[in-house]
Amino acid sequence: MKGFSIGIIGAGQAATELLQQLVAAKFVHIVAVADLKTDTPGIKLAEEHGIPTTTNMNDILKLGEAIDILIDVTGVCEVRNQLRQYMSETNNKHTVIMHERLSALMVSLAKGTLVDMKGSDDTY
């Protein structure tokens, strides 16, 4: 294994904390970060590290199986459903969609304390 190719959907505060960990890992290649807003902390951090950014998550989805893990940090049920539908329609059996709760776990472990994220388990 040569590492992980990752796309991130959502670039708010929670995503930024996760992104800080990911950019520090030599075995992680972040292909792009998407958010509807161009002034979020995650977009700014990605740009500082030369990571492509976009306001359209479809730009990332079009990369298909070149992405190992697609991290959804939006907390928006509709986005989750669109991601699942896209993977099904394109028959992408390689890319894993990582739920926001797993992101919360990773950030919480790194911080040593429970981190709250805006998403809900009820809608996944």
Protein backbone atom coordinates (compact mmCIF):
# COMPACT_ATOMS: atom_id res chain seq x y z
CA MET A 1 0.00 0.00 0.00
CA LYS A 2 1.35 3.40 -0.96
CA GLY A 3 -0.96 5.50 1.19
CA PHE A 4 -4.43 6.96 1.05
CA SER A 5 -5.96 9.23 -1.57
CA ILE A 6 -8.61 11.38 0.11
CA GLY A 7 -11.30 13.83 -0.97
CA ILE A 8 -13.05 16.01 1.62
CA ILE A 9 -16.60 17.35 1.29
CA GLY A 10 -17.21 20.20 3.73
CA ALA A 11 -14.60 22.62 5.00
CA GLY A 12 -15.97 24.15 8.18
CA GLN A 13 -14.33 24.07 11.61
CA ALA A 14 -14.68 20.30 12.12
CA ALA A 15 -13.24 19.57 8.70
CA THR A 16 -10.39 21.97 9.36
CA GLU A 17 -9.34 20.10 12.48
CA LEU A 18 -9.36 16.84 10.57
CA LEU A 19 -7.55 18.42 7.62
CA GLN A 20 -4.77 19.61 9.93
CA GLN A 21 -4.14 16.00 10.94
CA LEU A 22 -4.31 14.70 7.40
CA VAL A 23 -1.87 17.21 5.87
CA ALA A 24 0.66 16.23 8.53
CA ALA A 25 0.56 12.56 7.51
CA LYS A 26 3.11 11.66 4.83
CA PHE A 27 1.03 8.67 3.72
CA VAL A 28 -2.04 10.80 2.90
CA HIS A 29 -2.64 12.54 -0.42
CA ILE A 30 -5.58 14.94 -0.32
CA VAL A 31 -6.86 15.26 -3.86
CA ALA A 32 -9.29 18.12 -3.20
CA VAL A 33 -11.53 19.85 -0.68
CA ALA A 34 -15.06 21.00 -1.54
CA ASP A 35 -17.30 23.52 0.18
CA LEU A 36 -20.05 25.81 -1.08
CA LYS A 37 -18.29 28.75 0.56
CA THR A 38 -14.83 29.87 -0.52
CA ASP A 39 -13.89 31.59 2.75
CA THR A 40 -14.17 28.67 5.18
CA PRO A 41 -11.22 27.78 7.43
CA GLY A 42 -10.81 24.42 5.66
CA ILE A 43 -10.68 25.98 2.20
CA LYS A 44 -8.08 28.48 3.38
CA LEU A 45 -5.99 25.72 4.99
CA ALA A 46 -6.21 23.56 1.86
CA GLU A 47 -5.09 26.46 -0.33
CA GLU A 48 -2.14 27.15 2.03
CA HIS A 49 -1.02 23.56 1.41
CA GLY A 50 -1.56 23.67 -2.35
CA ILE A 51 -4.56 21.35 -2.22
CA PRO A 52 -7.14 21.98 -4.97
CA THR A 53 -10.44 23.42 -3.76
CA THR A 54 -13.87 23.64 -5.35
CA THR A 55 -17.38 24.81 -4.60
CA ASN A 56 -18.84 21.79 -6.40
CA MET A 57 -18.43 18.36 -4.82
CA ASN A 58 -19.03 16.78 -8.23
CA ASP A 59 -15.54 17.97 -9.22
CA ILE A 60 -14.20 15.54 -6.62
CA LEU A 61 -16.68 12.77 -7.37
CA LYS A 62 -15.63 12.76 -11.03
CA LEU A 63 -12.20 11.51 -9.92
CA GLY A 64 -13.93 8.18 -9.26
CA GLU A 65 -11.81 5.31 -8.06
CA ALA A 66 -8.72 7.52 -7.89
CA ILE A 67 -10.07 8.38 -4.43
CA ASP A 68 -9.71 5.79 -1.69
CA ILE A 69 -11.70 7.64 0.97
CA LEU A 70 -14.27 10.37 0.51
CA ILE A 71 -14.80 12.16 3.82
CA ASP A 72 -18.20 13.78 4.32
CA VAL A 73 -17.88 16.42 7.02
CA THR A 74 -20.95 18.42 6.02
CA GLY A 75 -23.46 17.06 8.51
CA VAL A 76 -26.08 17.40 5.76
CA CYS A 77 -28.29 14.38 5.09
CA GLU A 78 -28.93 15.41 1.47
CA VAL A 79 -25.19 15.46 0.76
CA ARG A 80 -24.81 11.99 2.26
CA ASN A 81 -27.61 10.70 0.07
CA GLN A 82 -26.14 12.32 -3.05
CA LEU A 83 -22.76 10.74 -2.34
CA ARG A 84 -24.26 7.29 -1.91
CA GLN A 85 -26.38 7.68 -5.04
CA TYR A 86 -23.39 8.81 -7.11
CA MET A 87 -21.28 5.85 -5.98
CA SER A 88 -24.09 3.48 -6.85
CA GLU A 89 -24.81 5.03 -10.24
CA THR A 90 -21.15 5.01 -11.26
CA ASN A 91 -20.60 1.51 -9.84
CA ASN A 92 -17.66 2.79 -7.79
CA LYS A 93 -16.86 -0.13 -5.53
CA HIS A 94 -13.45 1.21 -4.50
CA THR A 95 -14.09 4.54 -2.82
CA VAL A 96 -15.29 4.44 0.77
CA ILE A 97 -17.51 7.23 2.07
CA MET A 98 -16.45 8.17 5.58
CA HIS A 99 -19.29 9.42 7.77
CA GLU A 100 -18.92 12.57 9.84
CA ARG A 101 -19.11 10.55 13.09
CA LEU A 102 -15.89 8.76 12.15
CA SER A 103 -14.31 12.15 11.56
CA ALA A 104 -15.48 13.19 15.03
CA LEU A 105 -13.86 10.06 16.46
CA MET A 106 -10.54 10.75 14.74
CA VAL A 107 -10.44 14.40 15.85
CA SER A 108 -11.54 13.45 19.39
CA LEU A 109 -8.78 10.85 19.66
CA ALA A 110 -6.17 13.35 18.49
CA LYS A 111 -7.38 15.99 20.96
CA GLY A 112 -7.91 13.57 23.82
CA THR A 113 -11.43 14.88 24.36
CA LEU A 114 -14.83 14.42 22.77
CA VAL A 115 -15.41 16.82 19.87
CA ASP A 116 -18.98 17.67 18.90
CA MET A 117 -19.91 17.87 15.23
CA LYS A 118 -23.12 19.26 13.77
CA GLY A 119 -24.23 16.07 11.98
CA SER A 120 -26.71 13.59 13.32
CA ASP A 121 -26.55 9.81 13.51
CA ASP A 122 -30.30 9.72 12.97
CA THR A 123 -30.02 10.53 9.29
CA TYR A 124 -27.23 8.22 8.17
